Structures are given as C-alpha cells and as structure tokens.
C-alpha cells in the first residue's frame, strides 16, 4: 500500500500498521507465523510501524499545499 503518492495529508495508524505487516510478511516469507514465532513476528511489525511513523512524522515535503 502506498502511503505517500507523492503526498497524502492523512495517514492513519491502520495504514502504517498494514504497510508494516506487509513488509514483515514479505521479508519473513510467512503470511502467518507459527505459534512459536508469533512473538518475534508481532514485535517486528510493531518496530517497523514505529519506524515508519517516525519517518512520516519527520518528513518535510517542500511545496506541499502550494498552488
């Protein structure tokens, strides 16, 4: 899911989590982890979501909102 095409005013928590989940699934190769991997999988999703939100919060888009 593209969160910034090239600029979106509103990106919600659900959008960020969905993108993080997609990334972790792609990297791990698992759509759903086995029970013994669930904690690591969930922590990875949370870490990626936090890093993504931090990035989005800190981005400065020049010319945004200019006519």
N, C-alpha and C. Protein backbone atom coordinates (compact mmCIF):
# COMPACT_ATOMS: atom_id res chain seq x y z
N UNK A 1 0.84 -1.18 0.00
CA UNK A 1 0.00 0.00 0.00
C UNK A 1 0.88 1.23 0.00
N UNK A 2 0.64 2.12 -0.91
CA UNK A 2 1.41 3.35 -1.00
C UNK A 2 0.85 4.36 0.00
N UNK A 3 1.69 4.79 0.93
CA UNK A 3 1.24 5.76 1.93
C UNK A 3 1.45 7.19 1.47
N UNK A 4 2.37 7.38 0.57
CA UNK A 4 2.69 8.73 0.13
C UNK A 4 2.72 8.81 -1.39
N UNK A 5 1.57 9.02 -2.04
CA UNK A 5 1.57 9.04 -3.52
C UNK A 5 1.45 10.43 -4.13
N UNK A 6 2.34 11.28 -4.30
CA UNK A 6 3.61 11.54 -3.61
C UNK A 6 3.42 12.21 -2.25
N UNK A 7 2.21 12.70 -1.96
CA UNK A 7 1.96 13.31 -0.65
C UNK A 7 0.51 13.06 -0.26
N UNK A 8 0.32 12.63 0.96
CA UNK A 8 -1.02 12.39 1.50
C UNK A 8 -1.11 13.11 2.83
N UNK A 9 -2.13 13.93 2.99
CA UNK A 9 -2.28 14.68 4.24
C UNK A 9 -2.51 13.77 5.43
N UNK A 10 -3.33 12.77 5.26
CA UNK A 10 -3.72 11.91 6.37
C UNK A 10 -3.28 10.47 6.15
N UNK A 11 -2.44 9.97 7.01
CA UNK A 11 -2.05 8.57 7.04
C UNK A 11 -2.35 8.08 8.44
N UNK A 12 -3.30 7.17 8.56
CA UNK A 12 -3.72 6.71 9.87
C UNK A 12 -2.87 5.57 10.41
N UNK A 13 -3.09 5.27 11.67
CA UNK A 13 -2.38 4.16 12.32
C UNK A 13 -2.63 2.84 11.59
N UNK A 14 -3.85 2.65 11.12
CA UNK A 14 -4.18 1.40 10.41
C UNK A 14 -3.38 1.29 9.11
N UNK A 15 -3.17 2.42 8.43
CA UNK A 15 -2.38 2.42 7.19
C UNK A 15 -0.93 2.04 7.48
N UNK A 16 -0.38 2.64 8.52
CA UNK A 16 1.01 2.37 8.89
C UNK A 16 1.18 0.92 9.31
N UNK A 17 0.25 0.40 10.10
CA UNK A 17 0.35 -0.99 10.53
C UNK A 17 0.20 -1.95 9.36
N UNK A 18 -0.71 -1.65 8.45
CA UNK A 18 -0.90 -2.52 7.28
C UNK A 18 0.37 -2.58 6.43
N UNK A 19 1.03 -1.44 6.26
CA UNK A 19 2.28 -1.42 5.50
C UNK A 19 3.37 -2.19 6.23
N UNK A 20 3.44 -2.04 7.55
CA UNK A 20 4.44 -2.77 8.34
C UNK A 20 4.19 -4.27 8.27
N UNK A 21 2.95 -4.66 8.37
CA UNK A 21 2.60 -6.09 8.29
C UNK A 21 2.99 -6.65 6.93
N UNK A 22 2.70 -5.90 5.87
CA UNK A 22 3.05 -6.34 4.52
C UNK A 22 4.56 -6.51 4.39
N UNK A 23 5.33 -5.57 4.94
CA UNK A 23 6.78 -5.64 4.88
C UNK A 23 7.30 -6.86 5.63
N UNK A 24 6.82 -7.08 6.84
CA UNK A 24 7.30 -8.21 7.65
C UNK A 24 6.91 -9.53 6.99
N UNK A 25 5.73 -9.61 6.43
CA UNK A 25 5.33 -10.83 5.71
C UNK A 25 6.27 -11.09 4.54
N UNK A 26 6.59 -10.04 3.78
CA UNK A 26 7.46 -10.18 2.62
C UNK A 26 8.85 -10.63 3.04
N UNK A 27 9.40 -9.99 4.04
CA UNK A 27 10.77 -10.29 4.48
C UNK A 27 10.86 -11.68 5.11
N UNK A 28 9.86 -12.04 5.92
CA UNK A 28 9.91 -13.32 6.62
C UNK A 28 9.51 -14.49 5.72
N UNK A 29 8.71 -14.20 4.71
CA UNK A 29 8.22 -15.28 3.85
C UNK A 29 7.00 -15.98 4.40
N UNK A 30 6.45 -15.46 5.49
CA UNK A 30 5.29 -16.08 6.14
C UNK A 30 4.12 -15.11 6.16
N UNK A 31 2.96 -15.59 5.72
CA UNK A 31 1.74 -14.79 5.83
C UNK A 31 1.30 -14.76 7.28
N UNK A 32 1.33 -15.89 7.91
CA UNK A 32 1.03 -16.04 9.34
C UNK A 32 2.14 -16.89 9.96
N UNK A 33 2.76 -16.42 11.01
CA UNK A 33 3.84 -17.20 11.62
C UNK A 33 3.30 -18.36 12.45
N UNK A 34 4.14 -19.35 12.63
CA UNK A 34 3.82 -20.45 13.55
C UNK A 34 3.74 -19.88 14.96
N UNK A 35 3.05 -20.58 15.83
CA UNK A 35 2.86 -20.11 17.20
C UNK A 35 4.19 -19.78 17.88
N UNK A 36 5.21 -20.58 17.63
CA UNK A 36 6.50 -20.35 18.29
C UNK A 36 7.24 -19.13 17.72
N UNK A 37 6.77 -18.58 16.60
CA UNK A 37 7.37 -17.38 16.02
C UNK A 37 6.49 -16.14 16.16
N UNK A 38 5.33 -16.30 16.73
CA UNK A 38 4.34 -15.21 16.80
C UNK A 38 4.89 -13.97 17.51
N UNK A 39 5.54 -14.15 18.64
CA UNK A 39 6.05 -13.00 19.40
C UNK A 39 7.06 -12.20 18.58
N UNK A 40 8.01 -12.89 17.96
CA UNK A 40 9.02 -12.21 17.14
C UNK A 40 8.37 -11.50 15.96
N UNK A 41 7.40 -12.14 15.32
CA UNK A 41 6.69 -11.57 14.18
C UNK A 41 5.96 -10.30 14.60
N UNK A 42 5.19 -10.38 15.69
CA UNK A 42 4.42 -9.23 16.17
C UNK A 42 5.33 -8.07 16.60
N UNK A 43 6.45 -8.40 17.23
CA UNK A 43 7.39 -7.36 17.64
C UNK A 43 8.03 -6.69 16.42
N UNK A 44 8.29 -7.46 15.38
CA UNK A 44 8.84 -6.90 14.15
C UNK A 44 7.84 -5.95 13.50
N UNK A 45 6.58 -6.34 13.45
CA UNK A 45 5.54 -5.48 12.89
C UNK A 45 5.47 -4.18 13.68
N UNK A 46 5.49 -4.26 15.00
CA UNK A 46 5.43 -3.07 15.84
C UNK A 46 6.65 -2.17 15.62
N UNK A 47 7.83 -2.77 15.49
CA UNK A 47 9.05 -1.99 15.29
C UNK A 47 9.05 -1.28 13.94
N UNK A 48 8.61 -1.99 12.90
CA UNK A 48 8.55 -1.39 11.57
C UNK A 48 7.50 -0.28 11.54
N UNK A 49 6.36 -0.52 12.17
CA UNK A 49 5.31 0.51 12.23
C UNK A 49 5.82 1.75 12.96
N UNK A 50 6.54 1.57 14.06
CA UNK A 50 7.06 2.72 14.81
C UNK A 50 8.09 3.48 13.97
N UNK A 51 8.97 2.77 13.29
CA UNK A 51 9.96 3.43 12.45
C UNK A 51 9.29 4.17 11.29
N UNK A 52 8.27 3.57 10.72
CA UNK A 52 7.54 4.20 9.63
C UNK A 52 6.83 5.46 10.11
N UNK A 53 6.19 5.39 11.26
CA UNK A 53 5.50 6.56 11.79
C UNK A 53 6.49 7.68 12.10
N UNK A 54 7.64 7.31 12.65
CA UNK A 54 8.68 8.31 12.93
C UNK A 54 9.12 8.99 11.63
N UNK A 55 9.33 8.20 10.59
CA UNK A 55 9.71 8.76 9.30
C UNK A 55 8.65 9.73 8.79
N UNK A 56 7.40 9.29 8.79
CA UNK A 56 6.32 10.13 8.29
C UNK A 56 6.17 11.42 9.10
N UNK A 57 6.38 11.32 10.41
CA UNK A 57 6.28 12.50 11.27
C UNK A 57 7.39 13.51 10.99
N UNK A 58 8.54 13.02 10.55
CA UNK A 58 9.69 13.89 10.37
C UNK A 58 9.90 14.37 8.94
N UNK A 59 9.21 13.79 7.98
CA UNK A 59 9.37 14.21 6.58
C UNK A 59 8.89 15.64 6.39
N UNK A 60 9.64 16.37 5.60
CA UNK A 60 9.26 17.71 5.21
C UNK A 60 9.06 17.67 3.71
N UNK A 61 7.85 17.95 3.26
CA UNK A 61 7.53 17.92 1.84
C UNK A 61 7.52 19.35 1.35
N UNK A 62 8.52 19.73 0.60
CA UNK A 62 8.61 21.10 0.09
C UNK A 62 7.56 21.31 -0.98
N UNK A 63 6.92 22.46 -0.90
CA UNK A 63 5.90 22.80 -1.88
C UNK A 63 4.55 22.20 -1.59
N UNK A 64 4.42 21.47 -0.49
CA UNK A 64 3.11 20.86 -0.14
C UNK A 64 2.13 21.97 0.15
N UNK A 65 1.00 21.88 -0.47
CA UNK A 65 -0.05 22.86 -0.24
C UNK A 65 0.11 24.13 -1.05
N UNK A 66 1.20 24.25 -1.79
CA UNK A 66 1.39 25.44 -2.62
C UNK A 66 0.60 25.28 -3.90
N UNK A 67 0.03 26.37 -4.41
CA UNK A 67 -0.74 26.28 -5.67
C UNK A 67 0.12 25.97 -6.85
